[in-house]
Amino acid sequence: MAQTVTAEAAGVVPPPAPARTPAQPHRRKRVLNWIGVHTLAVTALLFFILPFVFLFLTSVMSDKQALTSHLWPTSWEWGNYTEVMRTPGFGTWWRNTLMYAGLGTLFTVVSSLPVAYALAKFRFRFRGVALMLVISSMMLPPQVIVIPMYIFWAKQMHLSGTLWPLIIPMAFGDAFTIFLLRQFLLTIPSEYLDAARVDGCGELRILISIVLPMIRPAIAAVALFQFFYCWNDYFGPQVYASENPGAWTLSYGLESFKGAHQVNWNLMMAATLLVMAPVILVFFFAQKAFIEGVTLTGVKG
């Protein structure tokens, strides 16, 4: 009977298995991709950050050093900001801008929310036509209707020289705000609303008690959009408030400040930074709700 002799019994040691070499090409490719992506990100960051750095450094320079070859301040002139704040009318421009942006944002959100709710959750005839009219109104430039609107507010309502011709129309809704809120409302299941109706809730109570807490990100997003628009608006105050310096906003008053200090670039940069700072701070602290609201408004069409 033949006996099978194993390699170990015969004293023969099998050769070791070849060691696995790491996937060097794959690892090198990942490293190169990481370097490429981060290089582009850093380049984009510098592209957006460097103008603000230049703006800030120039704002704290002296008159003689501003816009010279010396990019770093030899002496930090923090008094430039104090001098800008002491400019006659600067405090009034701040107050008018806050009133314009605050009331405009409040009126727009309050008036647009019921319209968006109706377009998203109600079933009625010509709902599609109403939505198309809202969307088509966004395609109409404000410059097209500025002359008849100015005649109405200035000649009929006698509100020329004030900001009320810009604030009052916002109490009648905004097409862009209505569209964004409607897109977000479409993502809310109708079962929640039907259950509230079964319990006896009216539509107004449903909107305030149930819908409103669920769409806070969307409200934050549209509120920030409207606030930024009002804060940076130059065309509207120029049309309606240019004849009254007491009704100027920061965006329009900055043009007057530029004309008075066109050779003082350090003061110009300080004034520009003071006008931009509130908007940057508001976005910095509310960016999470802003990004979430903008993202979710496009989930369902």
C-alpha atoms as a PDB file:
ATOM      1  CA  MET A   1       0.000   0.000   0.000  1.00  0.00           C
ATOM      2  CA  ALA A   2       1.509   3.257  -1.126  1.00  0.00           C
ATOM      3  CA  GLN A   3       1.935   5.879   1.483  1.00  0.00           C
ATOM      4  CA  THR A   4       1.636   9.526   0.720  1.00  0.00           C
ATOM      5  CA  VAL A   5       4.575  11.500   2.097  1.00  0.00           C
ATOM      6  CA  THR A   6       3.850  15.110   2.858  1.00  0.00           C
ATOM      7  CA  ALA A   7       6.337  17.883   2.204  1.00  0.00           C
ATOM      8  CA  GLU A   8       6.771  18.485   5.930  1.00  0.00           C
ATOM      9  CA  ALA A   9       7.530  14.795   6.591  1.00  0.00           C
ATOM     10  CA  ALA A  10      10.079  14.748   3.837  1.00  0.00           C
ATOM     11  CA  GLY A  11      11.786  17.767   5.378  1.00  0.00           C
ATOM     12  CA  VAL A  12      10.984  19.995   2.435  1.00  0.00           C
ATOM     13  CA  VAL A  13       9.834  23.485   3.470  1.00  0.00           C
ATOM     14  CA  PRO A  14       7.555  25.123   0.918  1.00  0.00           C
ATOM     15  CA  PRO A  15       8.652  28.541  -0.276  1.00  0.00           C
ATOM     16  CA  PRO A  16       6.962  31.483   1.532  1.00  0.00           C
ATOM     17  CA  ALA A  17       4.087  33.192  -0.171  1.00  0.00           C
ATOM     18  CA  PRO A  18       5.116  36.392  -1.874  1.00  0.00           C
ATOM     19  CA  ALA A  19       4.428  39.429   0.269  1.00  0.00           C
ATOM     20  CA  ARG A  20       1.682  41.721  -0.959  1.00  0.00           C
ATOM     21  CA  THR A  21       3.056  45.003  -2.149  1.00  0.00           C
ATOM     22  CA  PRO A  22       0.903  48.055  -1.470  1.00  0.00           C
ATOM     23  CA  ALA A  23      -0.924  49.534  -4.366  1.00  0.00           C
ATOM     24  CA  GLN A  24       1.625  52.266  -4.915  1.00  0.00           C
ATOM     25  CA  PRO A  25       0.065  53.700  -8.107  1.00  0.00           C
ATOM     26  CA  HIS A  26      -3.364  53.890  -6.478  1.00  0.00           C
ATOM     27  CA  ARG A  27      -2.011  55.571  -3.362  1.00  0.00           C
ATOM     28  CA  ARG A  28       0.007  58.011  -5.430  1.00  0.00           C
ATOM     29  CA  LYS A  29      -3.100  58.878  -7.436  1.00  0.00           C
ATOM     30  CA  ARG A  30      -5.074  59.586  -4.271  1.00  0.00           C
ATOM     31  CA  VAL A  31      -2.304  61.826  -2.950  1.00  0.00           C
ATOM     32  CA  LEU A  32      -2.148  63.752  -6.211  1.00  0.00           C
ATOM     33  CA  ASN A  33      -5.936  64.153  -6.264  1.00  0.00           C
ATOM     34  CA  TRP A  34      -5.871  65.423  -2.670  1.00  0.00           C
ATOM     35  CA  ILE A  35      -3.143  67.927  -3.488  1.00  0.00           C
ATOM     36  CA  GLY A  36      -4.940  69.105  -6.611  1.00  0.00           C
ATOM     37  CA  VAL A  37      -8.307  69.594  -4.908  1.00  0.00           C
ATOM     38  CA  HIS A  38      -6.855  71.419  -1.907  1.00  0.00           C
ATOM     39  CA  THR A  39      -4.675  73.582  -4.127  1.00  0.00           C
ATOM     40  CA  LEU A  40      -7.738  74.719  -6.057  1.00  0.00           C
ATOM     41  CA  ALA A  41      -9.619  75.314  -2.804  1.00  0.00           C
ATOM     42  CA  VAL A  42      -6.808  77.403  -1.329  1.00  0.00           C
ATOM     43  CA  THR A  43      -6.496  79.354  -4.588  1.00  0.00           C
ATOM     44  CA  ALA A  44     -10.227  80.108  -4.603  1.00  0.00           C
ATOM     45  CA  LEU A  45     -10.061  81.092  -0.931  1.00  0.00           C
ATOM     46  CA  LEU A  46      -7.236  83.526  -1.592  1.00  0.00           C
ATOM     47  CA  PHE A  47      -9.089  84.890  -4.622  1.00  0.00           C
ATOM     48  CA  PHE A  48     -12.017  85.894  -2.390  1.00  0.00           C
ATOM     49  CA  ILE A  49     -10.114  86.764   0.797  1.00  0.00           C
ATOM     50  CA  LEU A  50      -7.263  88.908  -0.536  1.00  0.00           C
ATOM     51  CA  PRO A  51      -9.512  91.824  -1.664  1.00  0.00           C
ATOM     52  CA  PHE A  52     -10.952  92.047   1.860  1.00  0.00           C
ATOM     53  CA  VAL A  53      -7.458  91.896   3.351  1.00  0.00           C
ATOM     54  CA  PHE A  54      -6.358  94.717   1.049  1.00  0.00           C
ATOM     55  CA  LEU A  55      -9.483  96.690   1.955  1.00  0.00           C
ATOM     56  CA  PHE A  56      -8.845  96.309   5.677  1.00  0.00           C
ATOM     57  CA  LEU A  57      -5.132  97.100   5.522  1.00  0.00           C
ATOM     58  CA  THR A  58      -5.763 100.218   3.458  1.00  0.00           C
ATOM     59  CA  SER A  59      -8.479 101.371   5.867  1.00  0.00           C
ATOM     60  CA  VAL A  60      -5.996 101.534   8.765  1.00  0.00           C
ATOM     61  CA  MET A  61      -3.236 103.323   6.840  1.00  0.00           C
ATOM     62  CA  SER A  62      -2.388 106.996   6.895  1.00  0.00           C
ATOM     63  CA  ASP A  63      -3.268 109.332   4.031  1.00  0.00           C
ATOM     64  CA  LYS A  64       0.305 109.324   2.728  1.00  0.00           C
ATOM     65  CA  GLN A  65       0.692 105.546   2.728  1.00  0.00           C
ATOM     66  CA  ALA A  66      -2.663 104.540   1.223  1.00  0.00           C
ATOM     67  CA  LEU A  67      -2.373 103.059  -2.293  1.00  0.00           C
ATOM     68  CA  THR A  68       1.396 103.148  -2.290  1.00  0.00           C
ATOM     69  CA  SER A  69       3.826 100.273  -2.810  1.00  0.00           C
ATOM     70  CA  HIS A  70       3.857  99.625   0.949  1.00  0.00           C
ATOM     71  CA  LEU A  71       1.063  97.121   1.498  1.00  0.00           C
ATOM     72  CA  TRP A  72       1.547  96.746   5.258  1.00  0.00           C
ATOM     73  CA  PRO A  73       0.625  99.727   7.475  1.00  0.00           C
ATOM     74  CA  THR A  74       3.584 101.479   9.047  1.00  0.00           C
ATOM     75  CA  SER A  75       1.196 102.807  11.700  1.00  0.00           C
ATOM     76  CA  TRP A  76      -2.264 101.471  12.497  1.00  0.00           C
ATOM     77  CA  GLU A  77      -4.668 104.404  12.150  1.00  0.00           C
ATOM     78  CA  TRP A  78      -7.757 103.069  13.934  1.00  0.00           C
ATOM     79  CA  GLY A  79      -9.044 106.611  14.162  1.00  0.00           C
ATOM     80  CA  ASN A  80     -10.088 106.390  10.506  1.00  0.00           C
ATOM     81  CA  TYR A  81     -13.189 104.480  11.550  1.00  0.00           C
ATOM     82  CA  THR A  82     -14.011 107.068  14.188  1.00  0.00           C
ATOM     83  CA  GLU A  83     -13.622 109.846  11.641  1.00  0.00           C
ATOM     84  CA  VAL A  84     -15.959 108.064   9.252  1.00  0.00           C
ATOM     85  CA  MET A  85     -18.593 107.545  11.950  1.00  0.00           C
ATOM     86  CA  ARG A  86     -18.406 111.249  12.802  1.00  0.00           C
ATOM     87  CA  THR A  87     -19.194 112.227   9.220  1.00  0.00           C
ATOM     88  CA  PRO A  88     -22.383 114.359   9.160  1.00  0.00           C
ATOM     89  CA  GLY A  89     -25.285 112.163   8.117  1.00  0.00           C
ATOM     90  CA  PHE A  90     -23.537 108.808   8.537  1.00  0.00           C
ATOM     91  CA  GLY A  91     -25.642 107.894  11.574  1.00  0.00           C
ATOM     92  CA  THR A  92     -28.793 108.887   9.682  1.00  0.00           C
ATOM     93  CA  TRP A  93     -27.789 106.656   6.793  1.00  0.00           C
ATOM     94  CA  TRP A  94     -27.386 103.777   9.216  1.00  0.00           C
ATOM     95  CA  ARG A  95     -30.803 104.373  10.750  1.00  0.00           C
ATOM     96  CA  ASN A  96     -32.520 104.647   7.367  1.00  0.00           C
ATOM     97  CA  THR A  97     -30.831 101.496   6.075  1.00  0.00           C
ATOM     98  CA  LEU A  98     -31.829  99.500   9.142  1.00  0.00           C
ATOM     99  CA  MET A  99     -35.426 100.704   8.821  1.00  0.00           C
ATOM    100  CA  TYR A 100     -35.513  99.934   5.106  1.00  0.00           C
ATOM    101  CA  ALA A 101     -33.942  96.488   5.444  1.00  0.00           C
ATOM    102  CA  GLY A 102     -35.830  95.531   8.618  1.00  0.00           C
ATOM    103  CA  LEU A 103     -39.318  96.609   7.556  1.00  0.00           C
ATOM    104  CA  GLY A 104     -38.785  95.434   3.997  1.00  0.00           C
ATOM    105  CA  THR A 105     -37.762  91.968   5.151  1.00  0.00           C
ATOM    106  CA  LEU A 106     -40.640  91.724   7.627  1.00  0.00           C
ATOM    107  CA  PHE A 107     -43.272  92.880   5.142  1.00  0.00           C
ATOM    108  CA  THR A 108     -41.972  90.594   2.396  1.00  0.00           C
ATOM    109  CA  VAL A 109     -41.947  87.431   4.499  1.00  0.00           C
ATOM    110  CA  VAL A 110     -45.333  88.083   6.141  1.00  0.00           C
ATOM    111  CA  SER A 111     -47.075  88.884   2.860  1.00  0.00           C
ATOM    112  CA  SER A 112     -45.432  86.156   0.760  1.00  0.00           C
ATOM    113  CA  LEU A 113     -45.945  83.223   3.124  1.00  0.00           C
ATOM    114  CA  PRO A 114     -49.773  82.938   2.768  1.00  0.00           C
ATOM    115  CA  VAL A 115     -49.514  83.165  -1.022  1.00  0.00           C
ATOM    116  CA  ALA A 116     -46.861  80.450  -1.132  1.00  0.00           C
ATOM    117  CA  TYR A 117     -48.930  78.275   1.195  1.00  0.00           C
ATOM    118  CA  ALA A 118     -51.985  78.616  -1.038  1.00  0.00           C
ATOM    119  CA  LEU A 119     -50.039  77.819  -4.203  1.00  0.00           C
ATOM    120  CA  ALA A 120     -48.435  74.764  -2.594  1.00  0.00           C
ATOM    121  CA  LYS A 121     -51.275  73.165  -0.618  1.00  0.00           C
ATOM    122  CA  PHE A 122     -54.590  74.421  -2.020  1.00  0.00           C
ATOM    123  CA  ARG A 123     -56.350  72.920  -5.027  1.00  0.00           C
ATOM    124  CA  PHE A 124     -58.237  75.532  -7.035  1.00  0.00           C
ATOM    125  CA  ARG A 125     -58.858  76.444 -10.641  1.00  0.00           C
ATOM    126  CA  PHE A 126     -56.118  78.295 -12.501  1.00  0.00           C
ATOM    127  CA  ARG A 127     -53.567  77.517  -9.808  1.00  0.00           C
ATOM    128  CA  GLY A 128     -51.007  76.783 -12.505  1.00  0.00           C
ATOM    129  CA  VAL A 129     -51.824  80.058 -14.231  1.00  0.00           C
ATOM    130  CA  ALA A 130     -51.353  81.953 -10.973  1.00  0.00           C
ATOM    131  CA  LEU A 131     -47.991  80.278 -10.429  1.00  0.00           C
ATOM    132  CA  MET A 132     -46.892  81.131 -13.964  1.00  0.00           C
ATOM    133  CA  LEU A 133     -47.862  84.768 -13.403  1.00  0.00           C
ATOM    134  CA  VAL A 134     -45.783  84.846 -10.228  1.00  0.00           C
ATOM    135  CA  ILE A 135     -42.774  83.319 -11.982  1.00  0.00           C
ATOM    136  CA  SER A 136     -43.142  85.541 -15.050  1.00  0.00           C
ATOM    137  CA  SER A 137     -43.147  88.648 -12.864  1.00  0.00           C
ATOM    138  CA  MET A 138     -39.582  87.790 -11.836  1.00  0.00           C
ATOM    139  CA  MET A 139     -38.546  88.299 -15.453  1.00  0.00           C
ATOM    140  CA  LEU A 140     -39.744  91.913 -15.467  1.00  0.00           C
ATOM    141  CA  PRO A 141     -36.855  94.309 -14.706  1.00  0.00           C
ATOM    142  CA  PRO A 142     -37.731  97.024 -12.162  1.00  0.00           C
ATOM    143  CA  GLN A 143     -36.406  99.666 -14.565  1.00  0.00           C
ATOM    144  CA  VAL A 144     -39.311  98.960 -16.906  1.00  0.00           C
ATOM    145  CA  ILE A 145     -41.952 100.196 -14.468  1.00  0.00           C
ATOM    146  CA  VAL A 146     -39.905 102.800 -12.593  1.00  0.00           C
ATOM    147  CA  ILE A 147     -41.402 105.794 -14.419  1.00  0.00           C
ATOM    148  CA  PRO A 148     -45.114 104.997 -13.813  1.00  0.00           C
ATOM    149  CA  MET A 149     -44.337 103.904 -10.250  1.00  0.00           C
ATOM    150  CA  TYR A 150     -42.457 107.136  -9.580  1.00  0.00           C
ATOM    151  CA  ILE A 151     -45.325 109.196 -10.969  1.00  0.00           C
ATOM    152  CA  PHE A 152     -47.767 107.327  -8.729  1.00  0.00           C
ATOM    153  CA  TRP A 153     -45.754 107.631  -5.515  1.00  0.00           C
ATOM    154  CA  ALA A 154     -44.433 111.150  -6.112  1.00  0.00           C
ATOM    155  CA  LYS A 155     -47.388 112.878  -7.765  1.00  0.00           C
ATOM    156  CA  GLN A 156     -50.378 110.937  -6.431  1.00  0.00           C
ATOM    157  CA  MET A 157     -49.212 109.829  -2.974  1.00  0.00           C
ATOM    158  CA  HIS A 158     -46.722 112.689  -2.376  1.00  0.00           C
ATOM    159  CA  LEU A 159     -44.115 110.357  -0.860  1.00  0.00           C
ATOM    160  CA  SER A 160     -41.142 111.534  -2.873  1.00  0.00           C
ATOM    161  CA  GLY A 161     -38.059 112.125  -0.754  1.00  0.00           C
ATOM    162  CA  THR A 162     -38.811 109.177   1.554  1.00  0.00           C
ATOM    163  CA  LEU A 163     -38.170 105.443   1.588  1.00  0.00           C
ATOM    164  CA  TRP A 164     -41.849 104.517   1.898  1.00  0.00           C
ATOM    165  CA  PRO A 165     -42.299 104.039  -1.890  1.00  0.00           C
ATOM    166  CA  LEU A 166     -39.755 101.224  -1.523  1.00  0.00           C
ATOM    167  CA  ILE A 167     -41.092  99.731   1.721  1.00  0.00           C
ATOM    168  CA  ILE A 168     -44.861  99.766   1.133  1.00  0.00           C
ATOM    169  CA  PRO A 169     -44.855  97.605  -2.055  1.00  0.00           C
ATOM    170  CA  MET A 170     -43.070  94.872  -0.111  1.00  0.00           C
ATOM    171  CA  ALA A 171     -46.225  94.413   1.953  1.00  0.00           C
ATOM    172  CA  PHE A 172     -47.866  92.923  -1.162  1.00  0.00           C
ATOM    173  CA  GLY A 173     -45.487  90.014  -1.624  1.00  0.00           C
ATOM    174  CA  ASP A 174     -42.392  89.286  -3.642  1.00  0.00           C
ATOM    175  CA  ALA A 175     -42.336  86.826  -6.543  1.00  0.00           C
ATOM    176  CA  PHE A 176     -38.923  85.345  -5.745  1.00  0.00           C
ATOM    177  CA  THR A 177     -39.813  84.873  -2.072  1.00  0.00           C
ATOM    178  CA  ILE A 178     -43.156  83.290  -2.957  1.00  0.00           C
ATOM    179  CA  PHE A 179     -41.475  80.854  -5.331  1.00  0.00           C
ATOM    180  CA  LEU A 180     -38.817  79.745  -2.833  1.00  0.00           C
ATOM    181  CA  LEU A 181     -41.323  79.310   0.001  1.00  0.00           C
ATOM    182  CA  ARG A 182     -43.647  77.343  -2.262  1.00  0.00           C
ATOM    183  CA  GLN A 183     -40.824  74.989  -3.227  1.00  0.00           C
ATOM    184  CA  PHE A 184     -40.105  74.321   0.443  1.00  0.00           C
ATOM    185  CA  LEU A 185     -43.783  73.880   1.335  1.00  0.00           C
ATOM    186  CA  LEU A 186     -44.094  71.167  -1.315  1.00  0.00           C
ATOM    187  CA  THR A 187     -41.703  69.026   0.738  1.00  0.00           C
ATOM    188  CA  ILE A 188     -44.047  69.029   3.762  1.00  0.00           C
ATOM    189  CA  PRO A 189     -46.347  65.965   3.747  1.00  0.00           C
ATOM    190  CA  SER A 190     -50.004  66.888   3.422  1.00  0.00           C
ATOM    191  CA  GLU A 191     -50.916  64.258   6.044  1.00  0.00           C
ATOM    192  CA  TYR A 192     -49.847  66.663   8.793  1.00  0.00           C
ATOM    193  CA  LEU A 193     -52.224  69.312   7.485  1.00  0.00           C
ATOM    194  CA  ASP A 194     -55.081  66.842   6.965  1.00  0.00           C
ATOM    195  CA  ALA A 195     -54.733  65.599  10.537  1.00  0.00           C
ATOM    196  CA  ALA A 196     -54.921  69.174  11.810  1.00  0.00           C
ATOM    197  CA  ARG A 197     -58.039  69.831   9.720  1.00  0.00           C
ATOM    198  CA  VAL A 198     -59.677  66.717  11.183  1.00  0.00           C
ATOM    199  CA  ASP A 199     -58.976  68.092  14.662  1.00  0.00           C
ATOM    200  CA  GLY A 200     -60.820  71.279  13.723  1.00  0.00           C
ATOM    201  CA  CYS A 201     -57.932  73.638  12.958  1.00  0.00           C
ATOM    202  CA  GLY A 202     -58.527  76.404  10.473  1.00  0.00           C
ATOM    203  CA  GLU A 203     -56.114  77.198   7.677  1.00  0.00           C
ATOM    204  CA  LEU A 204     -54.691  80.234   9.468  1.00  0.00           C
ATOM    205  CA  ARG A 205     -54.018  78.246  12.624  1.00  0.00           C
ATOM    206  CA  ILE A 206     -52.469  75.430  10.581  1.00  0.00           C
ATOM    207  CA  LEU A 207     -50.198  77.926   8.878  1.00  0.00           C
ATOM    208  CA  ILE A 208     -49.069  79.542  12.128  1.00  0.00           C
ATOM    209  CA  SER A 209     -48.956  76.542  14.477  1.00  0.00           C
ATOM    210  CA  ILE A 210     -47.881  73.687  12.199  1.00  0.00           C
ATOM    211  CA  VAL A 211     -46.407  74.964   8.956  1.00  0.00           C
ATOM    212  CA  LEU A 212     -44.455  77.911  10.322  1.00  0.00           C
ATOM    213  CA  PRO A 213     -42.253  75.880  12.722  1.00  0.00           C
ATOM    214  CA  MET A 214     -41.502  73.374   9.968  1.00  0.00           C
ATOM    215  CA  ILE A 215     -40.268  75.906   7.410  1.00  0.00           C
ATOM    216  CA  ARG A 216     -37.939  77.959   9.587  1.00  0.00           C
ATOM    217  CA  PRO A 217     -34.900  77.234   7.363  1.00  0.00           C
ATOM    218  CA  ALA A 218     -36.762  78.477   4.293  1.00  0.00           C
ATOM    219  CA  ILE A 219     -37.954  81.599   6.110  1.00  0.00           C
ATOM    220  CA  ALA A 220     -34.400  82.288   7.255  1.00  0.00           C
ATOM    221  CA  ALA A 221     -33.142  81.911   3.685  1.00  0.00           C
ATOM    222  CA  VAL A 222     -35.687  84.238   2.078  1.00  0.00           C
ATOM    223  CA  ALA A 223     -35.349  86.731   4.939  1.00  0.00           C
ATOM    224  CA  LEU A 224     -31.594  86.894   4.394  1.00  0.00           C
ATOM    225  CA  PHE A 225     -32.070  87.286   0.646  1.00  0.00           C
ATOM    226  CA  GLN A 226     -34.439  90.200   1.175  1.00  0.00           C
ATOM    227  CA  PHE A 227     -32.300  91.775   3.895  1.00  0.00           C
ATOM    228  CA  PHE A 228     -29.215  91.694   1.669  1.00  0.00           C
ATOM    229  CA  TYR A 229     -31.184  93.149  -1.229  1.00  0.00           C
ATOM    230  CA  CYS A 230     -32.505  96.067   0.815  1.00  0.00           C
ATOM    231  CA  TRP A 231     -29.164  96.716   2.487  1.00  0.00           C
ATOM    232  CA  ASN A 232     -27.311  96.884  -0.841  1.00  0.00           C
ATOM    233  CA  ASP A 233     -30.058  98.602  -2.844  1.00  0.00           C
ATOM    234  CA  TYR A 234     -28.747 101.688  -4.609  1.00  0.00           C
ATOM    235  CA  PHE A 235     -31.208 102.162  -7.463  1.00  0.00           C
ATOM    236  CA  GLY A 236     -34.339 102.565  -5.324  1.00  0.00           C
ATOM    237  CA  PRO A 237     -33.002 105.191  -2.898  1.00  0.00           C
ATOM    238  CA  GLN A 238     -31.479 107.062  -5.810  1.00  0.00           C
ATOM    239  CA  VAL A 239     -34.863 107.324  -7.533  1.00  0.00           C
ATOM    240  CA  TYR A 240     -37.059 108.190  -4.555  1.00  0.00           C
ATOM    241  CA  ALA A 241     -34.803 109.654  -1.838  1.00  0.00           C
ATOM    242  CA  SER A 242     -32.021 111.473  -3.700  1.00  0.00           C
ATOM    243  CA  GLU A 243     -33.633 114.888  -3.162  1.00  0.00           C
ATOM    244  CA  ASN A 244     -33.736 114.452   0.637  1.00  0.00           C
ATOM    245  CA  PRO A 245     -30.363 113.771   2.351  1.00  0.00           C
ATOM    246  CA  GLY A 246     -32.275 112.861   5.514  1.00  0.00           C
ATOM    247  CA  ALA A 247     -33.666 109.768   3.751  1.00  0.00           C
ATOM    248  CA  TRP A 248     -30.444 108.474   2.235  1.00  0.00           C
ATOM    249  CA  THR A 249     -29.289 104.929   2.891  1.00  0.00           C
ATOM    250  CA  LEU A 250     -25.735 103.682   3.341  1.00  0.00           C
ATOM    251  CA  SER A 251     -25.407 102.510  -0.249  1.00  0.00           C
ATOM    252  CA  TYR A 252     -26.438 105.899  -1.635  1.00  0.00           C
ATOM    253  CA  GLY A 253     -24.714 107.935   1.077  1.00  0.00           C
ATOM    254  CA  LEU A 254     -21.461 106.111   0.385  1.00  0.00           C
ATOM    255  CA  GLU A 255     -21.444 107.653  -3.078  1.00  0.00           C
ATOM    256  CA  SER A 256     -21.715 111.114  -1.530  1.00  0.00           C
ATOM    257  CA  PHE A 257     -18.946 110.231   0.927  1.00  0.00           C
ATOM    258  CA  LYS A 258     -16.765 109.120  -1.987  1.00  0.00           C
ATOM    259  CA  GLY A 259     -17.257 112.458  -3.711  1.00  0.00           C
ATOM    260  CA  ALA A 260     -16.256 114.355  -0.575  1.00  0.00           C
ATOM    261  CA  HIS A 261     -13.205 112.161   0.203  1.00  0.00           C
ATOM    262  CA  GLN A 262     -12.084 111.027  -3.237  1.00  0.00           C
ATOM    263  CA  VAL A 263      -8.409 111.579  -2.374  1.00  0.00           C
ATOM    264  CA  ASN A 264      -8.625 110.031   1.115  1.00  0.00           C
ATOM    265  CA  TRP A 265      -8.523 106.400   0.101  1.00  0.00           C
ATOM    266  CA  ASN A 266      -7.987 105.202   3.648  1.00  0.00           C
ATOM    267  CA  LEU A 267     -11.254 106.839   4.724  1.00  0.00           C
ATOM    268  CA  MET A 268     -13.006 105.483   1.647  1.00  0.00           C
ATOM    269  CA  MET A 269     -11.897 101.953   2.477  1.00  0.00           C
ATOM    270  CA  ALA A 270     -12.930 102.386   6.124  1.00  0.00           C
ATOM    271  CA  ALA A 271     -16.391 103.602   5.114  1.00  0.00           C
ATOM    272  CA  THR A 272     -16.782 100.726   2.643  1.00  0.00           C
ATOM    273  CA  LEU A 273     -15.786  98.204   5.293  1.00  0.00           C
ATOM    274  CA  LEU A 274     -18.279  99.662   7.778  1.00  0.00           C
ATOM    275  CA  VAL A 275     -21.056  99.347   5.189  1.00  0.00           C
ATOM    276  CA  MET A 276     -20.106  95.751   4.335  1.00  0.00           C
ATOM    277  CA  ALA A 277     -19.448  94.505   7.868  1.00  0.00           C
ATOM    278  CA  PRO A 278     -23.093  94.022   9.009  1.00  0.00           C
ATOM    279  CA  VAL A 279     -23.953  91.945   5.942  1.00  0.00           C
ATOM    280  CA  ILE A 280     -20.880  89.766   6.361  1.00  0.00           C
ATOM    281  CA  LEU A 281     -21.574  89.229  10.069  1.00  0.00           C
ATOM    282  CA  VAL A 282     -25.242  88.384   9.473  1.00  0.00           C
ATOM    283  CA  PHE A 283     -24.343  85.800   6.848  1.00  0.00           C
ATOM    284  CA  PHE A 284     -21.541  84.378   9.011  1.00  0.00           C
ATOM    285  CA  PHE A 285     -23.855  83.691  11.953  1.00  0.00           C
ATOM    286  CA  ALA A 286     -26.836  82.553   9.854  1.00  0.00           C
ATOM    287  CA  GLN A 287     -25.054  80.633   7.119  1.00  0.00           C
ATOM    288  CA  LYS A 288     -26.208  77.223   8.383  1.00  0.00           C
ATOM    289  CA  ALA A 289     -29.896  78.113   8.191  1.00  0.00           C
ATOM    290  CA  PHE A 290     -29.308  79.979   4.933  1.00  0.00           C
ATOM    291  CA  ILE A 291     -27.599  77.066   3.169  1.00  0.00           C
ATOM    292  CA  GLU A 292     -30.111  74.563   4.524  1.00  0.00           C
ATOM    293  CA  GLY A 293     -33.042  76.668   3.364  1.00  0.00           C
ATOM    294  CA  VAL A 294     -31.625  77.225  -0.116  1.00  0.00           C
ATOM    295  CA  THR A 295     -30.824  73.515  -0.475  1.00  0.00           C
ATOM    296  CA  LEU A 296     -34.218  72.257   0.622  1.00  0.00           C
ATOM    297  CA  THR A 297     -36.195  74.690  -1.531  1.00  0.00           C
ATOM    298  CA  GLY A 298     -35.063  72.755  -4.604  1.00  0.00           C
ATOM    299  CA  VAL A 299     -35.888  69.249  -3.390  1.00  0.00           C
ATOM    300  CA  LYS A 300     -39.281  69.003  -5.024  1.00  0.00           C
ATOM    301  CA  GLY A 301     -40.758  70.947  -7.903  1.00  0.00           C
END
